[in-house]
């Protein structure tokens, strides 16, 4: 895997391609609703990680924690390679 910078501006579709496990983290904070509404295919290629946290009205502190969880998971995956 080529190292890619994970930022809050990464599109969800790209994030899920690089780090499929990140979807599980987002499921806990509102991504499940996107699936229930059957709009996943429509929004993942347009919605950034930051946009997602705003869409689900996560407080800034919570959004930061989610982003850190994703970064930590990605860094761990890189170390394992």
PDB file of N, CA and C in Angstrom:
ATOM      1  N   UNK A   1       0.846  -1.170   0.000  1.00  0.00           N
ATOM      2  CA  UNK A   1       0.000   0.000   0.000  1.00  0.00           C
ATOM      3  C   UNK A   1       0.893   1.234   0.000  1.00  0.00           C
ATOM      4  N   UNK A   2       0.586   2.172  -0.842  1.00  0.00           N
ATOM      5  CA  UNK A   2       1.300   3.428  -0.892  1.00  0.00           C
ATOM      6  C   UNK A   2       0.760   4.336   0.206  1.00  0.00           C
ATOM      7  N   UNK A   3       1.652   4.990   0.925  1.00  0.00           N
ATOM      8  CA  UNK A   3       1.230   5.891   1.991  1.00  0.00           C
ATOM      9  C   UNK A   3       0.447   7.056   1.394  1.00  0.00           C
ATOM     10  N   UNK A   4      -0.709   7.302   1.946  1.00  0.00           N
ATOM     11  CA  UNK A   4      -1.574   8.387   1.516  1.00  0.00           C
ATOM     12  C   UNK A   4      -1.885   9.217   2.747  1.00  0.00           C
ATOM     13  N   UNK A   5      -1.892  10.517   2.579  1.00  0.00           N
ATOM     14  CA  UNK A   5      -2.221  11.366   3.715  1.00  0.00           C
ATOM     15  C   UNK A   5      -3.728  11.320   3.937  1.00  0.00           C
ATOM     16  N   UNK A   6      -4.089  10.943   5.143  1.00  0.00           N
ATOM     17  CA  UNK A   6      -5.496  10.947   5.517  1.00  0.00           C
ATOM     18  C   UNK A   6      -5.776  12.304   6.154  1.00  0.00           C
ATOM     19  N   UNK A   7      -6.663  13.060   5.530  1.00  0.00           N
ATOM     20  CA  UNK A   7      -7.035  14.361   6.079  1.00  0.00           C
ATOM     21  C   UNK A   7      -8.552  14.422   6.201  1.00  0.00           C
ATOM     22  N   UNK A   8      -9.033  15.459   6.839  1.00  0.00           N
ATOM     23  CA  UNK A   8     -10.473  15.619   6.990  1.00  0.00           C
ATOM     24  C   UNK A   8     -11.152  15.912   5.655  1.00  0.00           C
ATOM     25  N   UNK A   9     -10.351  16.248   4.656  1.00  0.00           N
ATOM     26  CA  UNK A   9     -10.901  16.577   3.343  1.00  0.00           C
ATOM     27  C   UNK A   9     -10.909  15.389   2.378  1.00  0.00           C
ATOM     28  N   UNK A  10     -10.587  14.200   2.859  1.00  0.00           N
ATOM     29  CA  UNK A  10     -10.615  13.018   2.007  1.00  0.00           C
ATOM     30  C   UNK A  10     -12.066  12.623   1.745  1.00  0.00           C
ATOM     31  N   UNK A  11     -12.351  12.266   0.508  1.00  0.00           N
ATOM     32  CA  UNK A  11     -13.691  11.786   0.172  1.00  0.00           C
ATOM     33  C   UNK A  11     -13.929  10.439   0.845  1.00  0.00           C
ATOM     34  N   UNK A  12     -15.147  10.210   1.280  1.00  0.00           N
ATOM     35  CA  UNK A  12     -15.457   8.949   1.951  1.00  0.00           C
ATOM     36  C   UNK A  12     -15.158   7.751   1.065  1.00  0.00           C
ATOM     37  N   UNK A  13     -15.436   7.856  -0.221  1.00  0.00           N
ATOM     38  CA  UNK A  13     -15.185   6.719  -1.119  1.00  0.00           C
ATOM     39  C   UNK A  13     -13.703   6.360  -1.124  1.00  0.00           C
ATOM     40  N   UNK A  14     -12.843   7.362  -1.093  1.00  0.00           N
ATOM     41  CA  UNK A  14     -11.396   7.136  -1.072  1.00  0.00           C
ATOM     42  C   UNK A  14     -10.969   6.573   0.285  1.00  0.00           C
ATOM     43  N   UNK A  15     -11.530   7.125   1.342  1.00  0.00           N
ATOM     44  CA  UNK A  15     -11.221   6.637   2.687  1.00  0.00           C
ATOM     45  C   UNK A  15     -11.587   5.164   2.819  1.00  0.00           C
ATOM     46  N   UNK A  16     -12.756   4.792   2.355  1.00  0.00           N
ATOM     47  CA  UNK A  16     -13.201   3.403   2.459  1.00  0.00           C
ATOM     48  C   UNK A  16     -12.372   2.471   1.583  1.00  0.00           C
ATOM     49  N   UNK A  17     -11.867   2.985   0.470  1.00  0.00           N
ATOM     50  CA  UNK A  17     -11.011   2.170  -0.394  1.00  0.00           C
ATOM     51  C   UNK A  17      -9.674   1.906   0.295  1.00  0.00           C
ATOM     52  N   UNK A  18      -9.120   2.928   0.908  1.00  0.00           N
ATOM     53  CA  UNK A  18      -7.825   2.812   1.570  1.00  0.00           C
ATOM     54  C   UNK A  18      -7.940   2.075   2.902  1.00  0.00           C
ATOM     55  N   UNK A  19      -9.003   2.376   3.623  1.00  0.00           N
ATOM     56  CA  UNK A  19      -9.155   1.878   4.986  1.00  0.00           C
ATOM     57  C   UNK A  19     -10.601   1.440   5.221  1.00  0.00           C
ATOM     58  N   UNK A  20     -10.970   0.267   4.717  1.00  0.00           N
ATOM     59  CA  UNK A  20     -12.365  -0.182   4.834  1.00  0.00           C
ATOM     60  C   UNK A  20     -12.876  -0.207   6.280  1.00  0.00           C
ATOM     61  N   UNK A  21     -11.972  -0.410   7.226  1.00  0.00           N
ATOM     62  CA  UNK A  21     -12.354  -0.472   8.635  1.00  0.00           C
ATOM     63  C   UNK A  21     -12.896   0.857   9.151  1.00  0.00           C
ATOM     64  N   UNK A  22     -12.595   1.939   8.469  1.00  0.00           N
ATOM     65  CA  UNK A  22     -13.061   3.255   8.901  1.00  0.00           C
ATOM     66  C   UNK A  22     -14.586   3.356   8.823  1.00  0.00           C
ATOM     67  N   UNK A  23     -15.179   2.583   7.951  1.00  0.00           N
ATOM     68  CA  UNK A  23     -16.651   2.581   7.844  1.00  0.00           C
ATOM     69  C   UNK A  23     -17.275   2.145   9.174  1.00  0.00           C
ATOM     70  N   UNK A  24     -16.658   1.193   9.852  1.00  0.00           N
ATOM     71  CA  UNK A  24     -17.176   0.738  11.148  1.00  0.00           C
ATOM     72  C   UNK A  24     -17.154   1.865  12.177  1.00  0.00           C
ATOM     73  N   UNK A  25     -16.101   2.664  12.158  1.00  0.00           N
ATOM     74  CA  UNK A  25     -16.004   3.800  13.083  1.00  0.00           C
ATOM     75  C   UNK A  25     -17.124   4.797  12.790  1.00  0.00           C
ATOM     76  N   UNK A  26     -17.344   5.079  11.520  1.00  0.00           N
ATOM     77  CA  UNK A  26     -18.371   6.045  11.150  1.00  0.00           C
ATOM     78  C   UNK A  26     -19.780   5.509  11.391  1.00  0.00           C
ATOM     79  N   UNK A  27     -19.946   4.199  11.329  1.00  0.00           N
ATOM     80  CA  UNK A  27     -21.259   3.589  11.610  1.00  0.00           C
ATOM     81  C   UNK A  27     -21.726   3.958  13.016  1.00  0.00           C
ATOM     82  N   UNK A  28     -20.787   4.055  13.941  1.00  0.00           N
ATOM     83  CA  UNK A  28     -21.124   4.348  15.334  1.00  0.00           C
ATOM     84  C   UNK A  28     -21.631   5.772  15.533  1.00  0.00           C
ATOM     85  N   UNK A  29     -21.353   6.656  14.564  1.00  0.00           N
ATOM     86  CA  UNK A  29     -21.720   8.066  14.755  1.00  0.00           C
ATOM     87  C   UNK A  29     -22.681   8.588  13.689  1.00  0.00           C
ATOM     88  N   UNK A  30     -23.347   7.708  12.962  1.00  0.00           N
ATOM     89  CA  UNK A  30     -24.372   8.178  12.052  1.00  0.00           C
ATOM     90  C   UNK A  30     -24.327   7.659  10.629  1.00  0.00           C
ATOM     91  N   UNK A  31     -23.257   6.979  10.251  1.00  0.00           N
ATOM     92  CA  UNK A  31     -23.178   6.471   8.882  1.00  0.00           C
ATOM     93  C   UNK A  31     -24.259   5.427   8.605  1.00  0.00           C
ATOM     94  N   UNK A  32     -24.668   4.751   9.641  1.00  0.00           N
ATOM     95  CA  UNK A  32     -25.715   3.724   9.506  1.00  0.00           C
ATOM     96  C   UNK A  32     -26.968   4.321   8.856  1.00  0.00           C
ATOM     97  N   UNK A  33     -27.277   5.570   9.190  1.00  0.00           N
ATOM     98  CA  UNK A  33     -28.473   6.227   8.644  1.00  0.00           C
ATOM     99  C   UNK A  33     -28.349   6.415   7.128  1.00  0.00           C
ATOM    100  N   UNK A  34     -27.156   6.706   6.658  1.00  0.00           N
ATOM    101  CA  UNK A  34     -26.926   6.851   5.211  1.00  0.00           C
ATOM    102  C   UNK A  34     -27.234   5.542   4.513  1.00  0.00           C
ATOM    103  N   UNK A  35     -26.841   4.449   5.138  1.00  0.00           N
ATOM    104  CA  UNK A  35     -27.147   3.129   4.560  1.00  0.00           C
ATOM    105  C   UNK A  35     -28.639   2.845   4.595  1.00  0.00           C
ATOM    106  N   UNK A  36     -29.291   3.181   5.717  1.00  0.00           N
ATOM    107  CA  UNK A  36     -30.726   2.937   5.848  1.00  0.00           C
ATOM    108  C   UNK A  36     -31.519   3.699   4.795  1.00  0.00           C
ATOM    109  N   UNK A  37     -31.058   4.904   4.488  1.00  0.00           N
ATOM    110  CA  UNK A  37     -31.739   5.723   3.477  1.00  0.00           C
ATOM    111  C   UNK A  37     -31.389   5.301   2.051  1.00  0.00           C
ATOM    112  N   UNK A  38     -30.468   4.338   1.929  1.00  0.00           N
ATOM    113  CA  UNK A  38     -30.041   3.813   0.635  1.00  0.00           C
ATOM    114  C   UNK A  38     -29.470   4.915  -0.272  1.00  0.00           C
ATOM    115  N   UNK A  39     -28.650   5.790   0.353  1.00  0.00           N
ATOM    116  CA  UNK A  39     -28.020   6.864  -0.419  1.00  0.00           C
ATOM    117  C   UNK A  39     -26.495   6.763  -0.388  1.00  0.00           C
ATOM    118  N   UNK A  40     -25.994   5.637   0.074  1.00  0.00           N
ATOM    119  CA  UNK A  40     -24.551   5.453   0.210  1.00  0.00           C
ATOM    120  C   UNK A  40     -23.826   5.665  -1.120  1.00  0.00           C
ATOM    121  N   UNK A  41     -24.305   5.064  -2.174  1.00  0.00           N
ATOM    122  CA  UNK A  41     -23.647   5.186  -3.476  1.00  0.00           C
ATOM    123  C   UNK A  41     -23.665   6.621  -3.995  1.00  0.00           C
ATOM    124  N   UNK A  42     -24.660   7.382  -3.600  1.00  0.00           N
ATOM    125  CA  UNK A  42     -24.795   8.749  -4.081  1.00  0.00           C
ATOM    126  C   UNK A  42     -23.863   9.701  -3.334  1.00  0.00           C
ATOM    127  N   UNK A  43     -23.694   9.507  -2.035  1.00  0.00           N
ATOM    128  CA  UNK A  43     -22.966  10.504  -1.243  1.00  0.00           C
ATOM    129  C   UNK A  43     -21.488  10.208  -1.031  1.00  0.00           C
ATOM    130  N   UNK A  44     -21.067   8.958  -1.076  1.00  0.00           N
ATOM    131  CA  UNK A  44     -19.680   8.661  -0.709  1.00  0.00           C
ATOM    132  C   UNK A  44     -18.654   9.256  -1.656  1.00  0.00           C
ATOM    133  N   UNK A  45     -19.025   9.483  -2.902  1.00  0.00           N
ATOM    134  CA  UNK A  45     -18.054  10.078  -3.827  1.00  0.00           C
ATOM    135  C   UNK A  45     -18.113  11.605  -3.843  1.00  0.00           C
ATOM    136  N   UNK A  46     -18.979  12.183  -3.012  1.00  0.00           N
ATOM    137  CA  UNK A  46     -19.101  13.635  -2.938  1.00  0.00           C
ATOM    138  C   UNK A  46     -18.836  14.180  -1.538  1.00  0.00           C
ATOM    139  N   UNK A  47     -18.960  13.334  -0.546  1.00  0.00           N
ATOM    140  CA  UNK A  47     -18.896  13.763   0.846  1.00  0.00           C
ATOM    141  C   UNK A  47     -17.512  13.495   1.431  1.00  0.00           C
ATOM    142  N   UNK A  48     -16.932  14.529   2.024  1.00  0.00           N
ATOM    143  CA  UNK A  48     -15.645  14.375   2.697  1.00  0.00           C
ATOM    144  C   UNK A  48     -15.874  13.927   4.132  1.00  0.00           C
ATOM    145  N   UNK A  49     -14.802  13.528   4.771  1.00  0.00           N
ATOM    146  CA  UNK A  49     -14.891  13.144   6.185  1.00  0.00           C
ATOM    147  C   UNK A  49     -15.398  14.330   7.005  1.00  0.00           C
ATOM    148  N   UNK A  50     -14.879  15.509   6.736  1.00  0.00           N
ATOM    149  CA  UNK A  50     -15.337  16.712   7.438  1.00  0.00           C
ATOM    150  C   UNK A  50     -16.812  16.974   7.149  1.00  0.00           C
ATOM    151  N   UNK A  51     -17.205  16.840   5.901  1.00  0.00           N
ATOM    152  CA  UNK A  51     -18.597  17.043   5.528  1.00  0.00           C
ATOM    153  C   UNK A  51     -19.513  16.057   6.221  1.00  0.00           C
ATOM    154  N   UNK A  52     -19.048  14.825   6.353  1.00  0.00           N
ATOM    155  CA  UNK A  52     -19.841  13.813   7.053  1.00  0.00           C
ATOM    156  C   UNK A  52     -20.063  14.203   8.513  1.00  0.00           C
ATOM    157  N   UNK A  53     -19.000  14.650   9.190  1.00  0.00           N
ATOM    158  CA  UNK A  53     -19.146  15.005  10.608  1.00  0.00           C
ATOM    159  C   UNK A  53     -20.090  16.194  10.774  1.00  0.00           C
ATOM    160  N   UNK A  54     -20.104  17.080   9.804  1.00  0.00           N
ATOM    161  CA  UNK A  54     -21.052  18.205   9.851  1.00  0.00           C
ATOM    162  C   UNK A  54     -22.471  17.730   9.566  1.00  0.00           C
ATOM    163  N   UNK A  55     -22.607  16.818   8.616  1.00  0.00           N
ATOM    164  CA  UNK A  55     -23.921  16.301   8.247  1.00  0.00           C
ATOM    165  C   UNK A  55     -24.612  15.641   9.435  1.00  0.00           C
ATOM    166  N   UNK A  56     -23.852  14.907  10.225  1.00  0.00           N
ATOM    167  CA  UNK A  56     -24.436  14.204  11.371  1.00  0.00           C
ATOM    168  C   UNK A  56     -24.365  15.042  12.653  1.00  0.00           C
ATOM    169  N   UNK A  57     -23.988  16.301  12.502  1.00  0.00           N
ATOM    170  CA  UNK A  57     -23.965  17.251  13.616  1.00  0.00           C
ATOM    171  C   UNK A  57     -23.097  16.812  14.790  1.00  0.00           C
ATOM    172  N   UNK A  58     -21.924  16.281  14.488  1.00  0.00           N
ATOM    173  CA  UNK A  58     -20.994  15.925  15.558  1.00  0.00           C
ATOM    174  C   UNK A  58     -20.368  17.202  16.107  1.00  0.00           C
ATOM    175  N   UNK A  59     -20.327  17.337  17.420  1.00  0.00           N
ATOM    176  CA  UNK A  59     -19.618  18.478  17.995  1.00  0.00           C
ATOM    177  C   UNK A  59     -18.151  18.426  17.572  1.00  0.00           C
ATOM    178  N   UNK A  60     -17.506  19.573  17.504  1.00  0.00           N
ATOM    179  CA  UNK A  60     -16.134  19.644  17.009  1.00  0.00           C
ATOM    180  C   UNK A  60     -15.201  18.699  17.762  1.00  0.00           C
ATOM    181  N   UNK A  61     -15.353  18.601  19.063  1.00  0.00           N
ATOM    182  CA  UNK A  61     -14.505  17.704  19.854  1.00  0.00           C
ATOM    183  C   UNK A  61     -14.700  16.248  19.481  1.00  0.00           C
ATOM    184  N   UNK A  62     -15.939  15.856  19.261  1.00  0.00           N
ATOM    185  CA  UNK A  62     -16.247  14.480  18.858  1.00  0.00           C
ATOM    186  C   UNK A  62     -15.703  14.190  17.458  1.00  0.00           C
ATOM    187  N   UNK A  63     -15.850  15.163  16.577  1.00  0.00           N
ATOM    188  CA  UNK A  63     -15.339  14.999  15.216  1.00  0.00           C
ATOM    189  C   UNK A  63     -13.826  14.801  15.256  1.00  0.00           C
ATOM    190  N   UNK A  64     -13.153  15.551  16.113  1.00  0.00           N
ATOM    191  CA  UNK A  64     -11.702  15.405  16.262  1.00  0.00           C
ATOM    192  C   UNK A  64     -11.319  14.028  16.756  1.00  0.00           C
ATOM    193  N   UNK A  65     -12.100  13.491  17.694  1.00  0.00           N
ATOM    194  CA  UNK A  65     -11.839  12.142  18.225  1.00  0.00           C
ATOM    195  C   UNK A  65     -12.012  11.088  17.129  1.00  0.00           C
ATOM    196  N   UNK A  66     -13.050  11.236  16.327  1.00  0.00           N
ATOM    197  CA  UNK A  66     -13.301  10.291  15.236  1.00  0.00           C
ATOM    198  C   UNK A  66     -12.150  10.343  14.234  1.00  0.00           C
ATOM    199  N   UNK A  67     -11.726  11.553  13.890  1.00  0.00           N
ATOM    200  CA  UNK A  67     -10.632  11.710  12.951  1.00  0.00           C
ATOM    201  C   UNK A  67      -9.355  11.081  13.506  1.00  0.00           C
ATOM    202  N   UNK A  68      -9.103  11.274  14.785  1.00  0.00           N
ATOM    203  CA  UNK A  68      -7.912  10.688  15.411  1.00  0.00           C
ATOM    204  C   UNK A  68      -7.995   9.167  15.399  1.00  0.00           C
ATOM    205  N   UNK A  69      -9.166   8.609  15.668  1.00  0.00           N
ATOM    206  CA  UNK A  69      -9.343   7.146  15.617  1.00  0.00           C
ATOM    207  C   UNK A  69      -8.989   6.618  14.228  1.00  0.00           C
ATOM    208  N   UNK A  70      -9.460   7.309  13.199  1.00  0.00           N
ATOM    209  CA  UNK A  70      -9.197   6.881  11.824  1.00  0.00           C
ATOM    210  C   UNK A  70      -7.714   7.005  11.502  1.00  0.00           C
ATOM    211  N   UNK A  71      -7.099   8.106  11.913  1.00  0.00           N
ATOM    212  CA  UNK A  71      -5.667   8.275  11.684  1.00  0.00           C
ATOM    213  C   UNK A  71      -4.859   7.198  12.399  1.00  0.00           C
ATOM    214  N   UNK A  72      -5.206   6.904  13.647  1.00  0.00           N
ATOM    215  CA  UNK A  72      -4.507   5.866  14.406  1.00  0.00           C
ATOM    216  C   UNK A  72      -4.644   4.510  13.736  1.00  0.00           C
ATOM    217  N   UNK A  73      -5.834   4.193  13.264  1.00  0.00           N
ATOM    218  CA  UNK A  73      -6.075   2.932  12.570  1.00  0.00           C
ATOM    219  C   UNK A  73      -5.233   2.851  11.299  1.00  0.00           C
ATOM    220  N   UNK A  74      -5.173   3.936  10.565  1.00  0.00           N
ATOM    221  CA  UNK A  74      -4.383   3.982   9.337  1.00  0.00           C
ATOM    222  C   UNK A  74      -2.900   3.833   9.644  1.00  0.00           C
ATOM    223  N   UNK A  75      -2.408   4.535  10.652  1.00  0.00           N
ATOM    224  CA  UNK A  75      -1.001   4.452  11.025  1.00  0.00           C
ATOM    225  C   UNK A  75      -0.632   3.031  11.461  1.00  0.00           C
ATOM    226  N   UNK A  76      -1.523   2.386  12.187  1.00  0.00           N
ATOM    227  CA  UNK A  76      -1.300   1.013  12.621  1.00  0.00           C
ATOM    228  C   UNK A  76      -1.215   0.076  11.405  1.00  0.00           C
ATOM    229  N   UNK A  77      -2.096   0.313  10.448  1.00  0.00           N
ATOM    230  CA  UNK A  77      -2.098  -0.508   9.238  1.00  0.00           C
ATOM    231  C   UNK A  77      -0.792  -0.334   8.468  1.00  0.00           C
ATOM    232  N   UNK A  78      -0.300   0.898   8.405  1.00  0.00           N
ATOM    233  CA  UNK A  78       0.965   1.161   7.731  1.00  0.00           C
ATOM    234  C   UNK A  78       2.140   0.462   8.431  1.00  0.00           C
ATOM    235  N   UNK A  79       2.132   0.464   9.756  1.00  0.00           N
ATOM    236  CA  UNK A  79       3.189  -0.169  10.530  1.00  0.00           C
ATOM    237  C   UNK A  79       3.216  -1.671  10.316  1.00  0.00           C
ATOM    238  N   UNK A  80       2.060  -2.270  10.097  1.00  0.00           N
ATOM    239  CA  UNK A  80       1.959  -3.706   9.919  1.00  0.00           C
ATOM    240  C   UNK A  80       2.483  -4.168   8.564  1.00  0.00           C
ATOM    241  N   UNK A  81       2.650  -3.236   7.659  1.00  0.00           N
ATOM    242  CA  UNK A  81       3.096  -3.596   6.308  1.00  0.00           C
ATOM    243  C   UNK A  81       4.592  -3.790   6.271  1.00  0.00           C
TER     244      UNK A  81
END
